[in-house]
Protein backbone atom coordinates (compact mmCIF):
# COMPACT_ATOMS: atom_id res chain seq x y z
CA MET A 1 16.26 2.88 -34.09
CA LEU A 2 13.12 5.05 -34.04
CA LYS A 3 13.57 8.72 -33.34
CA SER A 4 11.07 10.04 -30.83
CA HIS A 5 11.56 13.75 -31.04
CA ILE A 6 9.32 16.76 -30.67
CA GLN A 7 9.09 20.07 -32.41
CA LEU A 8 9.50 23.00 -30.04
CA SER A 9 8.09 26.35 -31.04
CA GLN A 10 10.28 29.43 -30.88
CA ALA A 11 8.08 30.61 -28.02
CA ASP A 12 9.14 27.50 -26.06
CA LYS A 13 12.79 27.38 -27.13
CA ALA A 14 13.64 30.86 -25.88
CA PRO A 15 12.51 30.28 -22.26
CA LEU A 16 14.30 26.92 -22.21
CA LYS A 17 17.55 28.47 -23.35
CA ASP A 18 17.12 31.29 -20.83
CA LEU A 19 16.60 28.76 -18.05
CA LEU A 20 19.73 26.85 -18.99
CA SER A 21 21.80 30.03 -19.06
CA LYS A 22 20.91 30.88 -15.45
CA GLY A 23 23.45 30.17 -12.77
CA GLN A 24 21.06 28.64 -10.25
CA LEU A 25 18.41 26.17 -11.36
CA PRO A 26 16.93 23.08 -9.71
CA VAL A 27 18.49 19.91 -11.12
CA LYS A 28 15.12 18.48 -12.19
CA THR A 29 14.28 21.59 -14.16
CA PHE A 30 17.75 21.65 -15.73
CA LYS A 31 17.55 18.01 -16.84
CA ARG A 32 14.03 18.38 -18.20
CA SER A 33 15.03 21.49 -20.16
CA GLN A 34 18.10 19.76 -21.59
CA ALA A 35 16.02 16.75 -22.58
CA LEU A 36 13.45 18.85 -24.43
CA LEU A 37 16.08 20.73 -26.37
CA ALA A 38 17.91 17.51 -27.26
CA LEU A 39 14.69 15.86 -28.42
CA ASP A 40 13.94 18.93 -30.51
CA GLN A 41 17.34 18.51 -32.20
CA GLY A 42 16.30 15.00 -33.27
CA LYS A 43 18.21 12.92 -30.74
CA THR A 44 16.70 9.60 -29.73
CA LEU A 45 15.21 8.86 -26.35
CA GLU A 46 18.13 6.53 -25.64
CA ALA A 47 20.75 9.14 -26.52
CA VAL A 48 19.04 11.82 -24.44
CA ALA A 49 18.57 9.49 -21.48
CA GLU A 50 22.22 8.46 -21.56
CA SER A 51 23.52 12.02 -21.80
CA ILE A 52 21.35 13.24 -18.93
CA GLY A 53 21.76 10.18 -16.72
CA VAL A 54 18.16 8.93 -16.57
CA VAL A 55 16.32 5.96 -18.05
CA ASN A 56 14.48 6.02 -21.39
CA ASP A 57 11.07 5.83 -19.74
CA THR A 58 11.76 9.05 -17.85
CA VAL A 59 12.58 10.94 -21.04
CA ALA A 60 9.50 9.47 -22.73
CA ARG A 61 7.35 10.59 -19.78
CA TRP A 62 8.84 14.09 -19.96
CA ARG A 63 8.12 14.22 -23.69
CA ASN A 64 4.51 13.17 -23.13
CA GLU A 65 4.06 15.64 -20.29
CA TYR A 66 5.40 18.41 -22.50
CA LYS A 67 2.88 17.50 -25.18
CA THR A 68 0.01 17.84 -22.72
CA THR A 69 1.10 20.67 -20.39
CA GLN A 70 3.75 22.49 -22.44
CA LEU A 71 6.50 24.06 -20.29
CA LYS A 72 4.51 23.80 -17.05
CA PHE A 73 5.88 20.27 -16.55
CA LEU A 74 9.38 21.67 -15.95
CA TYR A 75 8.40 22.55 -12.41
CA ASP A 76 7.03 20.15 -9.83
CA LYS A 77 3.56 20.81 -8.51
CA PRO A 78 3.54 21.89 -4.87
CA GLY A 79 2.83 19.10 -2.44
CA SER A 80 -0.48 19.07 -0.66
CA GLY A 81 1.20 19.14 2.72
CA ARG A 82 -0.45 18.51 6.00
CA PRO A 83 -2.92 21.11 7.26
CA ILE A 84 -1.93 23.07 10.34
CA GLU A 85 -3.52 21.55 13.42
CA ILE A 86 -2.26 23.91 16.10
CA SER A 87 -4.41 26.92 17.00
CA GLY A 88 -3.19 30.33 18.05
CA GLN A 89 -3.99 29.59 21.68
CA GLN A 90 -1.94 26.39 21.56
CA ARG A 91 0.96 28.31 20.01
CA ALA A 92 0.75 30.85 22.81
CA ASN A 93 0.79 28.04 25.39
CA ILE A 94 3.84 26.46 23.75
CA THR A 95 5.66 29.80 23.70
CA ALA A 96 4.78 30.49 27.34
CA LEU A 97 6.03 27.05 28.33
CA ALA A 98 9.30 27.64 26.46
CA CYS A 99 9.75 30.92 28.34
CA SER A 100 9.14 29.30 31.70
CA GLN A 101 11.70 27.74 34.01
CA ALA A 102 13.33 24.63 32.55
CA PRO A 103 12.54 21.33 34.27
CA GLU A 104 14.71 20.15 37.13
CA GLY A 105 18.00 18.73 35.93
CA HIS A 106 18.05 20.87 32.77
CA SER A 107 19.54 24.30 32.28
CA GLN A 108 17.14 25.16 29.45
CA TRP A 109 14.35 23.68 27.35
CA SER A 110 15.41 21.48 24.45
CA LEU A 111 12.97 21.21 21.57
CA ARG A 112 12.43 17.50 22.23
CA LEU A 113 11.83 18.12 25.92
CA LEU A 114 9.45 20.96 25.10
CA ALA A 115 7.48 18.87 22.58
CA ASP A 116 7.16 16.01 25.09
CA LYS A 117 5.97 18.38 27.83
CA VAL A 118 3.41 20.01 25.51
CA VAL A 119 1.86 16.61 24.82
CA GLU A 120 2.07 15.65 28.49
CA LEU A 121 0.23 18.83 29.52
CA GLY A 122 -2.43 18.17 26.89
CA TYR A 123 -1.89 21.33 24.84
CA CYS A 124 -2.11 19.13 21.73
CA GLU A 125 -2.24 15.42 20.88
CA HIS A 126 1.16 15.27 19.23
CA LEU A 127 3.93 17.71 18.42
CA TRP A 128 7.06 17.02 16.45
CA TYR A 129 10.06 18.74 18.03
CA VAL A 130 11.03 20.37 14.73
CA TYR A 131 7.57 21.93 14.47
CA ALA A 132 7.93 23.19 18.06
CA GLY A 133 11.07 24.99 16.88
CA GLU A 134 9.21 26.51 13.94
CA ILE A 135 6.49 27.77 16.27
CA LEU A 136 9.06 29.40 18.53
CA LYS A 137 10.94 30.86 15.59
CA LYS A 138 7.75 32.52 14.28
CA MET A 139 6.89 33.90 17.70
CA SER A 140 10.21 35.64 18.30
């Protein structure tokens, strides 16, 4: 069995050990840190993958990412996300609508009802009810 290990510098080992000693750490970061330290100790990809609960290819990918980006690979890159499409005026209209009298048959505005009414009134093309809640939360 071929050993596919890496040599970590002391400058890289210390932050990894510090990360693992913290009480709260994202699972991905924890597993990646454990894998690097295990590979540094000379364990095989198979042994590391089995102990962490991932497949060999994942450990190999982590090893290769470490070789190219060093410890930056421990953290996921932020997603690109969707750009905000709602202007300040539209937000004001949504807030004003939420503060108005609820439609007949309802005691108050629900987020789904509000989002549907916003689209119906033409304030914007589409509005997810969860985003309507975020808009209202920021305005209060």
